[in-house]
């Protein structure tokens, strides 16, 4: 996360509340997580799916970089489902 500011979309805040994911955990994922998928053609900004860990809990965060405004925008965050992701949560199951 190279931006100076993080903006949480309303959808992200709602999901964080529903899923009991504190803002400090999301910020940690954005700062230290690894990009596992990129969506360069998304509009209005390219976005990416990141994987981070809070203890033993894996978290996926979808974020965009608005470079012109020095801003990272969090779209959503969730704990990946082991039924849909391979071990390590970096690759989707077929």
PDB file of N, CA and C in Angstrom:
ATOM      1  N   UNK A   1       0.854  -1.168   0.000  1.00  0.00           N
ATOM      2  CA  UNK A   1       0.000   0.000   0.000  1.00  0.00           C
ATOM      3  C   UNK A   1       0.894   1.222   0.000  1.00  0.00           C
ATOM      4  N   UNK A   2       1.007   1.863  -1.120  1.00  0.00           N
ATOM      5  CA  UNK A   2       1.869   3.027  -1.246  1.00  0.00           C
ATOM      6  C   UNK A   2       1.121   4.321  -0.991  1.00  0.00           C
ATOM      7  N   UNK A   3      -0.157   4.242  -0.776  1.00  0.00           N
ATOM      8  CA  UNK A   3      -0.969   5.447  -0.633  1.00  0.00           C
ATOM      9  C   UNK A   3      -0.832   6.055   0.747  1.00  0.00           C
ATOM     10  N   UNK A   4      -1.200   7.309   0.820  1.00  0.00           N
ATOM     11  CA  UNK A   4      -1.180   8.015   2.090  1.00  0.00           C
ATOM     12  C   UNK A   4      -2.502   7.858   2.838  1.00  0.00           C
ATOM     13  N   UNK A   5      -3.571   7.499   2.129  1.00  0.00           N
ATOM     14  CA  UNK A   5      -4.900   7.491   2.729  1.00  0.00           C
ATOM     15  C   UNK A   5      -5.628   6.206   2.334  1.00  0.00           C
ATOM     16  N   UNK A   6      -6.426   5.664   3.252  1.00  0.00           N
ATOM     17  CA  UNK A   6      -7.269   4.507   2.969  1.00  0.00           C
ATOM     18  C   UNK A   6      -8.720   4.934   3.134  1.00  0.00           C
ATOM     19  N   UNK A   7      -9.523   4.641   2.119  1.00  0.00           N
ATOM     20  CA  UNK A   7     -10.957   4.927   2.158  1.00  0.00           C
ATOM     21  C   UNK A   7     -11.700   3.600   2.200  1.00  0.00           C
ATOM     22  N   UNK A   8     -12.605   3.474   3.152  1.00  0.00           N
ATOM     23  CA  UNK A   8     -13.423   2.275   3.285  1.00  0.00           C
ATOM     24  C   UNK A   8     -14.782   2.542   2.648  1.00  0.00           C
ATOM     25  N   UNK A   9     -15.098   1.789   1.597  1.00  0.00           N
ATOM     26  CA  UNK A   9     -16.425   1.907   0.988  1.00  0.00           C
ATOM     27  C   UNK A   9     -17.469   1.416   1.984  1.00  0.00           C
ATOM     28  N   UNK A  10     -18.694   1.907   1.849  1.00  0.00           N
ATOM     29  CA  UNK A  10     -19.772   1.509   2.759  1.00  0.00           C
ATOM     30  C   UNK A  10     -19.944  -0.007   2.744  1.00  0.00           C
ATOM     31  N   UNK A  11     -19.883  -0.611   1.559  1.00  0.00           N
ATOM     32  CA  UNK A  11     -20.006  -2.066   1.447  1.00  0.00           C
ATOM     33  C   UNK A  11     -18.938  -2.757   2.301  1.00  0.00           C
ATOM     34  N   UNK A  12     -17.720  -2.267   2.247  1.00  0.00           N
ATOM     35  CA  UNK A  12     -16.625  -2.864   3.021  1.00  0.00           C
ATOM     36  C   UNK A  12     -16.890  -2.741   4.517  1.00  0.00           C
ATOM     37  N   UNK A  13     -17.351  -1.599   4.946  1.00  0.00           N
ATOM     38  CA  UNK A  13     -17.641  -1.397   6.374  1.00  0.00           C
ATOM     39  C   UNK A  13     -18.750  -2.344   6.830  1.00  0.00           C
ATOM     40  N   UNK A  14     -19.779  -2.488   6.011  1.00  0.00           N
ATOM     41  CA  UNK A  14     -20.871  -3.401   6.355  1.00  0.00           C
ATOM     42  C   UNK A  14     -20.358  -4.832   6.482  1.00  0.00           C
ATOM     43  N   UNK A  15     -19.522  -5.254   5.533  1.00  0.00           N
ATOM     44  CA  UNK A  15     -18.998  -6.630   5.564  1.00  0.00           C
ATOM     45  C   UNK A  15     -18.049  -6.828   6.741  1.00  0.00           C
ATOM     46  N   UNK A  16     -17.250  -5.826   7.044  1.00  0.00           N
ATOM     47  CA  UNK A  16     -16.351  -5.917   8.198  1.00  0.00           C
ATOM     48  C   UNK A  16     -17.160  -6.133   9.473  1.00  0.00           C
ATOM     49  N   UNK A  17     -18.242  -5.394   9.617  1.00  0.00           N
ATOM     50  CA  UNK A  17     -19.099  -5.526  10.789  1.00  0.00           C
ATOM     51  C   UNK A  17     -19.722  -6.918  10.839  1.00  0.00           C
ATOM     52  N   UNK A  18     -20.327  -7.359   9.723  1.00  0.00           N
ATOM     53  CA  UNK A  18     -20.982  -8.675   9.656  1.00  0.00           C
ATOM     54  C   UNK A  18     -20.008  -9.811   9.946  1.00  0.00           C
ATOM     55  N   UNK A  19     -18.783  -9.665   9.471  1.00  0.00           N
ATOM     56  CA  UNK A  19     -17.793 -10.745   9.551  1.00  0.00           C
ATOM     57  C   UNK A  19     -16.834 -10.583  10.732  1.00  0.00           C
ATOM     58  N   UNK A  20     -17.071  -9.580  11.533  1.00  0.00           N
ATOM     59  CA  UNK A  20     -16.258  -9.309  12.714  1.00  0.00           C
ATOM     60  C   UNK A  20     -14.769  -9.199  12.374  1.00  0.00           C
ATOM     61  N   UNK A  21     -14.508  -8.336  11.393  1.00  0.00           N
ATOM     62  CA  UNK A  21     -13.137  -8.068  10.971  1.00  0.00           C
ATOM     63  C   UNK A  21     -12.816  -6.624  11.340  1.00  0.00           C
ATOM     64  N   UNK A  22     -11.954  -6.414  12.326  1.00  0.00           N
ATOM     65  CA  UNK A  22     -11.643  -5.039  12.741  1.00  0.00           C
ATOM     66  C   UNK A  22     -10.814  -4.278  11.696  1.00  0.00           C
ATOM     67  N   UNK A  23     -10.949  -2.962  11.710  1.00  0.00           N
ATOM     68  CA  UNK A  23     -10.228  -2.104  10.770  1.00  0.00           C
ATOM     69  C   UNK A  23      -8.720  -2.311  10.869  1.00  0.00           C
ATOM     70  N   UNK A  24      -8.193  -2.518  12.070  1.00  0.00           N
ATOM     71  CA  UNK A  24      -6.744  -2.710  12.223  1.00  0.00           C
ATOM     72  C   UNK A  24      -6.268  -3.949  11.453  1.00  0.00           C
ATOM     73  N   UNK A  25      -7.116  -4.994  11.391  1.00  0.00           N
ATOM     74  CA  UNK A  25      -6.747  -6.197  10.637  1.00  0.00           C
ATOM     75  C   UNK A  25      -6.743  -5.915   9.139  1.00  0.00           C
ATOM     76  N   UNK A  26      -7.719  -5.147   8.688  1.00  0.00           N
ATOM     77  CA  UNK A  26      -7.787  -4.784   7.267  1.00  0.00           C
ATOM     78  C   UNK A  26      -6.574  -3.938   6.884  1.00  0.00           C
ATOM     79  N   UNK A  27      -6.258  -2.966   7.693  1.00  0.00           N
ATOM     80  CA  UNK A  27      -5.098  -2.112   7.402  1.00  0.00           C
ATOM     81  C   UNK A  27      -3.822  -2.930   7.349  1.00  0.00           C
ATOM     82  N   UNK A  28      -3.701  -3.910   8.225  1.00  0.00           N
ATOM     83  CA  UNK A  28      -2.514  -4.781   8.233  1.00  0.00           C
ATOM     84  C   UNK A  28      -2.427  -5.585   6.929  1.00  0.00           C
ATOM     85  N   UNK A  29      -3.565  -6.106   6.469  1.00  0.00           N
ATOM     86  CA  UNK A  29      -3.581  -6.844   5.197  1.00  0.00           C
ATOM     87  C   UNK A  29      -3.146  -5.919   4.054  1.00  0.00           C
ATOM     88  N   UNK A  30      -3.667  -4.704   4.037  1.00  0.00           N
ATOM     89  CA  UNK A  30      -3.309  -3.764   2.975  1.00  0.00           C
ATOM     90  C   UNK A  30      -1.826  -3.388   3.028  1.00  0.00           C
ATOM     91  N   UNK A  31      -1.255  -3.336   4.215  1.00  0.00           N
ATOM     92  CA  UNK A  31       0.154  -2.957   4.369  1.00  0.00           C
ATOM     93  C   UNK A  31       1.111  -4.108   4.103  1.00  0.00           C
ATOM     94  N   UNK A  32       0.741  -5.316   4.520  1.00  0.00           N
ATOM     95  CA  UNK A  32       1.702  -6.424   4.483  1.00  0.00           C
ATOM     96  C   UNK A  32       1.262  -7.613   3.648  1.00  0.00           C
ATOM     97  N   UNK A  33       0.018  -7.593   3.174  1.00  0.00           N
ATOM     98  CA  UNK A  33      -0.498  -8.739   2.422  1.00  0.00           C
ATOM     99  C   UNK A  33       0.132  -8.866   1.048  1.00  0.00           C
ATOM    100  N   UNK A  34      -0.168  -9.989   0.424  1.00  0.00           N
ATOM    101  CA  UNK A  34       0.362 -10.243  -0.923  1.00  0.00           C
ATOM    102  C   UNK A  34      -0.776 -10.206  -1.939  1.00  0.00           C
ATOM    103  N   UNK A  35      -0.504  -9.608  -3.090  1.00  0.00           N
ATOM    104  CA  UNK A  35      -1.484  -9.582  -4.172  1.00  0.00           C
ATOM    105  C   UNK A  35      -1.511 -10.956  -4.813  1.00  0.00           C
ATOM    106  N   UNK A  36      -2.719 -11.577  -4.843  1.00  0.00           N
ATOM    107  CA  UNK A  36      -2.830 -12.918  -5.413  1.00  0.00           C
ATOM    108  C   UNK A  36      -3.594 -12.920  -6.742  1.00  0.00           C
ATOM    109  N   UNK A  37      -4.361 -11.879  -7.007  1.00  0.00           N
ATOM    110  CA  UNK A  37      -5.035 -11.720  -8.296  1.00  0.00           C
ATOM    111  C   UNK A  37      -5.072 -10.227  -8.620  1.00  0.00           C
ATOM    112  N   UNK A  38      -4.969  -9.919  -9.915  1.00  0.00           N
ATOM    113  CA  UNK A  38      -5.071  -8.529 -10.356  1.00  0.00           C
ATOM    114  C   UNK A  38      -6.140  -8.427 -11.423  1.00  0.00           C
ATOM    115  N   UNK A  39      -6.870  -7.326 -11.386  1.00  0.00           N
ATOM    116  CA  UNK A  39      -7.933  -7.062 -12.343  1.00  0.00           C
ATOM    117  C   UNK A  39      -7.663  -5.705 -13.000  1.00  0.00           C
ATOM    118  N   UNK A  40      -6.722  -5.662 -13.955  1.00  0.00           N
ATOM    119  CA  UNK A  40      -6.272  -4.389 -14.522  1.00  0.00           C
ATOM    120  C   UNK A  40      -7.324  -3.665 -15.358  1.00  0.00           C
ATOM    121  N   UNK A  41      -8.354  -4.385 -15.827  1.00  0.00           N
ATOM    122  CA  UNK A  41      -9.342  -3.767 -16.705  1.00  0.00           C
ATOM    123  C   UNK A  41     -10.573  -3.248 -15.970  1.00  0.00           C
ATOM    124  N   UNK A  42     -10.604  -3.402 -14.646  1.00  0.00           N
ATOM    125  CA  UNK A  42     -11.763  -2.919 -13.895  1.00  0.00           C
ATOM    126  C   UNK A  42     -11.842  -1.396 -13.958  1.00  0.00           C
ATOM    127  N   UNK A  43     -13.068  -0.901 -13.892  1.00  0.00           N
ATOM    128  CA  UNK A  43     -13.333   0.531 -14.008  1.00  0.00           C
ATOM    129  C   UNK A  43     -14.002   0.990 -12.717  1.00  0.00           C
ATOM    130  N   UNK A  44     -13.687   2.124 -12.171  1.00  0.00           N
ATOM    131  CA  UNK A  44     -12.878   3.186 -12.757  1.00  0.00           C
ATOM    132  C   UNK A  44     -11.379   3.021 -12.510  1.00  0.00           C
ATOM    133  N   UNK A  45     -10.983   2.063 -11.642  1.00  0.00           N
ATOM    134  CA  UNK A  45      -9.563   1.850 -11.370  1.00  0.00           C
ATOM    135  C   UNK A  45      -9.268   0.361 -11.395  1.00  0.00           C
ATOM    136  N   UNK A  46      -8.057  -0.019 -11.792  1.00  0.00           N
ATOM    137  CA  UNK A  46      -7.660  -1.419 -11.657  1.00  0.00           C
ATOM    138  C   UNK A  46      -7.714  -1.820 -10.183  1.00  0.00           C
ATOM    139  N   UNK A  47      -8.093  -3.069  -9.911  1.00  0.00           N
ATOM    140  CA  UNK A  47      -8.084  -3.497  -8.521  1.00  0.00           C
ATOM    141  C   UNK A  47      -7.371  -4.815  -8.370  1.00  0.00           C
ATOM    142  N   UNK A  48      -7.247  -5.236  -7.116  1.00  0.00           N
ATOM    143  CA  UNK A  48      -6.493  -6.455  -6.826  1.00  0.00           C
ATOM    144  C   UNK A  48      -7.103  -7.153  -5.623  1.00  0.00           C
ATOM    145  N   UNK A  49      -6.869  -8.461  -5.584  1.00  0.00           N
ATOM    146  CA  UNK A  49      -7.259  -9.280  -4.445  1.00  0.00           C
ATOM    147  C   UNK A  49      -6.005  -9.580  -3.657  1.00  0.00           C
ATOM    148  N   UNK A  50      -6.054  -9.284  -2.363  1.00  0.00           N
ATOM    149  CA  UNK A  50      -4.887  -9.479  -1.505  1.00  0.00           C
ATOM    150  C   UNK A  50      -5.181 -10.547  -0.462  1.00  0.00           C
ATOM    151  N   UNK A  51      -4.145 -11.257  -0.077  1.00  0.00           N
ATOM    152  CA  UNK A  51      -4.216 -12.240   1.001  1.00  0.00           C
ATOM    153  C   UNK A  51      -3.331 -11.773   2.134  1.00  0.00           C
ATOM    154  N   UNK A  52      -3.891 -11.784   3.327  1.00  0.00           N
ATOM    155  CA  UNK A  52      -3.124 -11.473   4.527  1.00  0.00           C
ATOM    156  C   UNK A  52      -3.571 -12.373   5.653  1.00  0.00           C
ATOM    157  N   UNK A  53      -2.814 -12.393   6.703  1.00  0.00           N
ATOM    158  CA  UNK A  53      -3.102 -13.261   7.846  1.00  0.00           C
ATOM    159  C   UNK A  53      -3.149 -12.429   9.110  1.00  0.00           C
ATOM    160  N   UNK A  54      -4.120 -12.717   9.940  1.00  0.00           N
ATOM    161  CA  UNK A  54      -4.198 -12.155  11.287  1.00  0.00           C
ATOM    162  C   UNK A  54      -4.171 -13.362  12.212  1.00  0.00           C
ATOM    163  N   UNK A  55      -2.984 -13.663  12.684  1.00  0.00           N
ATOM    164  CA  UNK A  55      -2.794 -14.907  13.421  1.00  0.00           C
ATOM    165  C   UNK A  55      -2.965 -16.059  12.453  1.00  0.00           C
ATOM    166  N   UNK A  56      -3.855 -16.975  12.775  1.00  0.00           N
ATOM    167  CA  UNK A  56      -4.119 -18.119  11.888  1.00  0.00           C
ATOM    168  C   UNK A  56      -5.294 -17.868  10.958  1.00  0.00           C
ATOM    169  N   UNK A  57      -5.888 -16.692  11.046  1.00  0.00           N
ATOM    170  CA  UNK A  57      -7.072 -16.362  10.243  1.00  0.00           C
ATOM    171  C   UNK A  57      -6.660 -15.735   8.919  1.00  0.00           C
ATOM    172  N   UNK A  58      -6.976 -16.408   7.785  1.00  0.00           N
ATOM    173  CA  UNK A  58      -6.692 -15.798   6.488  1.00  0.00           C
ATOM    174  C   UNK A  58      -7.752 -14.743   6.167  1.00  0.00           C
ATOM    175  N   UNK A  59      -7.336 -13.672   5.519  1.00  0.00           N
ATOM    176  CA  UNK A  59      -8.265 -12.646   5.075  1.00  0.00           C
ATOM    177  C   UNK A  59      -7.954 -12.272   3.635  1.00  0.00           C
ATOM    178  N   UNK A  60      -9.002 -12.106   2.855  1.00  0.00           N
ATOM    179  CA  UNK A  60      -8.891 -11.578   1.502  1.00  0.00           C
ATOM    180  C   UNK A  60      -9.454 -10.169   1.509  1.00  0.00           C
ATOM    181  N   UNK A  61      -8.758  -9.253   0.866  1.00  0.00           N
ATOM    182  CA  UNK A  61      -9.223  -7.881   0.720  1.00  0.00           C
ATOM    183  C   UNK A  61      -9.160  -7.499  -0.750  1.00  0.00           C
ATOM    184  N   UNK A  62     -10.218  -6.870  -1.234  1.00  0.00           N
ATOM    185  CA  UNK A  62     -10.239  -6.337  -2.594  1.00  0.00           C
ATOM    186  C   UNK A  62     -10.074  -4.832  -2.472  1.00  0.00           C
ATOM    187  N   UNK A  63      -9.045  -4.314  -3.135  1.00  0.00           N
ATOM    188  CA  UNK A  63      -8.722  -2.892  -3.022  1.00  0.00           C
ATOM    189  C   UNK A  63      -8.305  -2.338  -4.376  1.00  0.00           C
ATOM    190  N   UNK A  64      -8.470  -1.030  -4.495  1.00  0.00           N
ATOM    191  CA  UNK A  64      -8.015  -0.322  -5.694  1.00  0.00           C
ATOM    192  C   UNK A  64      -7.070   0.789  -5.268  1.00  0.00           C
ATOM    193  N   UNK A  65      -6.187   1.154  -6.166  1.00  0.00           N
ATOM    194  CA  UNK A  65      -5.279   2.281  -5.948  1.00  0.00           C
ATOM    195  C   UNK A  65      -5.716   3.427  -6.836  1.00  0.00           C
ATOM    196  N   UNK A  66      -6.066   4.521  -6.215  1.00  0.00           N
ATOM    197  CA  UNK A  66      -6.353   5.755  -6.937  1.00  0.00           C
ATOM    198  C   UNK A  66      -5.091   6.605  -6.811  1.00  0.00           C
ATOM    199  N   UNK A  67      -4.152   6.364  -7.704  1.00  0.00           N
ATOM    200  CA  UNK A  67      -2.832   6.990  -7.614  1.00  0.00           C
ATOM    201  C   UNK A  67      -2.901   8.507  -7.685  1.00  0.00           C
ATOM    202  N   UNK A  68      -3.812   9.032  -8.486  1.00  0.00           N
ATOM    203  CA  UNK A  68      -3.881  10.487  -8.632  1.00  0.00           C
ATOM    204  C   UNK A  68      -4.294  11.180  -7.336  1.00  0.00           C
ATOM    205  N   UNK A  69      -4.994  10.475  -6.458  1.00  0.00           N
ATOM    206  CA  UNK A  69      -5.436  11.041  -5.180  1.00  0.00           C
ATOM    207  C   UNK A  69      -4.644  10.478  -3.995  1.00  0.00           C
ATOM    208  N   UNK A  70      -3.618   9.650  -4.284  1.00  0.00           N
ATOM    209  CA  UNK A  70      -2.818   9.024  -3.229  1.00  0.00           C
ATOM    210  C   UNK A  70      -3.718   8.289  -2.237  1.00  0.00           C
ATOM    211  N   UNK A  71      -4.569   7.411  -2.794  1.00  0.00           N
ATOM    212  CA  UNK A  71      -5.618   6.781  -1.995  1.00  0.00           C
ATOM    213  C   UNK A  71      -5.747   5.308  -2.334  1.00  0.00           C
ATOM    214  N   UNK A  72      -5.905   4.477  -1.313  1.00  0.00           N
ATOM    215  CA  UNK A  72      -6.296   3.079  -1.473  1.00  0.00           C
ATOM    216  C   UNK A  72      -7.755   2.990  -1.069  1.00  0.00           C
ATOM    217  N   UNK A  73      -8.567   2.366  -1.905  1.00  0.00           N
ATOM    218  CA  UNK A  73      -9.997   2.235  -1.620  1.00  0.00           C
ATOM    219  C   UNK A  73     -10.291   0.760  -1.360  1.00  0.00           C
ATOM    220  N   UNK A  74     -10.783   0.451  -0.169  1.00  0.00           N
ATOM    221  CA  UNK A  74     -11.156  -0.920   0.177  1.00  0.00           C
ATOM    222  C   UNK A  74     -12.567  -1.173  -0.318  1.00  0.00           C
ATOM    223  N   UNK A  75     -12.722  -2.190  -1.161  1.00  0.00           N
ATOM    224  CA  UNK A  75     -14.019  -2.551  -1.714  1.00  0.00           C
ATOM    225  C   UNK A  75     -14.733  -3.543  -0.805  1.00  0.00           C
ATOM    226  N   UNK A  76     -14.018  -4.604  -0.417  1.00  0.00           N
ATOM    227  CA  UNK A  76     -14.590  -5.607   0.489  1.00  0.00           C
ATOM    228  C   UNK A  76     -13.473  -6.398   1.145  1.00  0.00           C
ATOM    229  N   UNK A  77     -13.833  -7.127   2.170  1.00  0.00           N
ATOM    230  CA  UNK A  77     -12.890  -7.997   2.871  1.00  0.00           C
ATOM    231  C   UNK A  77     -13.677  -9.194   3.405  1.00  0.00           C
ATOM    232  N   UNK A  78     -13.041 -10.359   3.384  1.00  0.00           N
ATOM    233  CA  UNK A  78     -13.727 -11.573   3.849  1.00  0.00           C
ATOM    234  C   UNK A  78     -12.702 -12.638   4.213  1.00  0.00           C
ATOM    235  N   UNK A  79     -13.170 -13.627   4.946  1.00  0.00           N
ATOM    236  CA  UNK A  79     -12.360 -14.805   5.241  1.00  0.00           C
ATOM    237  C   UNK A  79     -12.654 -15.818   4.145  1.00  0.00           C
ATOM    238  N   UNK A  80     -11.639 -16.239   3.380  1.00  0.00           N
ATOM    239  CA  UNK A  80     -11.897 -17.139   2.257  1.00  0.00           C
ATOM    240  C   UNK A  80     -12.431 -18.496   2.716  1.00  0.00           C
ATOM    241  N   UNK A  81     -13.321 -19.045   1.908  1.00  0.00           N
ATOM    242  CA  UNK A  81     -13.947 -20.339   2.171  1.00  0.00           C
ATOM    243  C   UNK A  81     -13.022 -21.456   1.703  1.00  0.00           C
ATOM    244  N   UNK A  82     -12.614 -22.366   2.595  1.00  0.00           N
ATOM    245  CA  UNK A  82     -11.725 -23.470   2.186  1.00  0.00           C
ATOM    246  C   UNK A  82     -12.327 -24.373   1.112  1.00  0.00           C
ATOM    247  N   UNK A  83     -13.657 -24.342   0.959  1.00  0.00           N
ATOM    248  CA  UNK A  83     -14.310 -25.129  -0.092  1.00  0.00           C
ATOM    249  C   UNK A  83     -14.075 -24.520  -1.480  1.00  0.00           C
ATOM    250  N   UNK A  84     -13.757 -23.234  -1.523  1.00  0.00           N
ATOM    251  CA  UNK A  84     -13.572 -22.539  -2.797  1.00  0.00           C
ATOM    252  C   UNK A  84     -12.113 -22.230  -3.116  1.00  0.00           C
ATOM    253  N   UNK A  85     -11.230 -22.409  -2.114  1.00  0.00           N
ATOM    254  CA  UNK A  85      -9.831 -22.041  -2.283  1.00  0.00           C
ATOM    255  C   UNK A  85      -8.927 -23.216  -1.956  1.00  0.00           C
ATOM    256  N   UNK A  86      -7.856 -23.335  -2.699  1.00  0.00           N
ATOM    257  CA  UNK A  86      -6.855 -24.366  -2.413  1.00  0.00           C
ATOM    258  C   UNK A  86      -6.144 -24.025  -1.102  1.00  0.00           C
ATOM    259  N   UNK A  87      -5.494 -25.029  -0.476  1.00  0.00           N
ATOM    260  CA  UNK A  87      -4.762 -24.745   0.764  1.00  0.00           C
ATOM    261  C   UNK A  87      -3.796 -23.564   0.577  1.00  0.00           C
ATOM    262  N   UNK A  88      -3.735 -22.703   1.560  1.00  0.00           N
ATOM    263  CA  UNK A  88      -2.927 -21.492   1.475  1.00  0.00           C
ATOM    264  C   UNK A  88      -3.729 -20.294   1.001  1.00  0.00           C
ATOM    265  N   UNK A  89      -4.914 -20.530   0.407  1.00  0.00           N
ATOM    266  CA  UNK A  89      -5.865 -19.495   0.004  1.00  0.00           C
ATOM    267  C   UNK A  89      -5.340 -18.547  -1.054  1.00  0.00           C
ATOM    268  N   UNK A  90      -4.369 -19.019  -1.869  1.00  0.00           N
ATOM    269  CA  UNK A  90      -3.820 -18.181  -2.943  1.00  0.00           C
ATOM    270  C   UNK A  90      -4.446 -18.482  -4.303  1.00  0.00           C
ATOM    271  N   UNK A  91      -4.976 -19.668  -4.459  1.00  0.00           N
ATOM    272  CA  UNK A  91      -5.548 -20.089  -5.742  1.00  0.00           C
ATOM    273  C   UNK A  91      -6.941 -20.661  -5.543  1.00  0.00           C
ATOM    274  N   UNK A  92      -7.837 -20.324  -6.462  1.00  0.00           N
ATOM    275  CA  UNK A  92      -9.206 -20.851  -6.418  1.00  0.00           C
ATOM    276  C   UNK A  92      -9.201 -22.319  -6.839  1.00  0.00           C
ATOM    277  N   UNK A  93     -10.123 -23.080  -6.272  1.00  0.00           N
ATOM    278  CA  UNK A  93     -10.304 -24.459  -6.705  1.00  0.00           C
ATOM    279  C   UNK A  93     -11.052 -24.435  -8.046  1.00  0.00           C
ATOM    280  N   UNK A  94     -10.774 -25.430  -8.883  1.00  0.00           N
ATOM    281  CA  UNK A  94     -11.459 -25.468 -10.184  1.00  0.00           C
ATOM    282  C   UNK A  94     -12.958 -25.750 -10.020  1.00  0.00           C
TER     283      UNK A  94
END
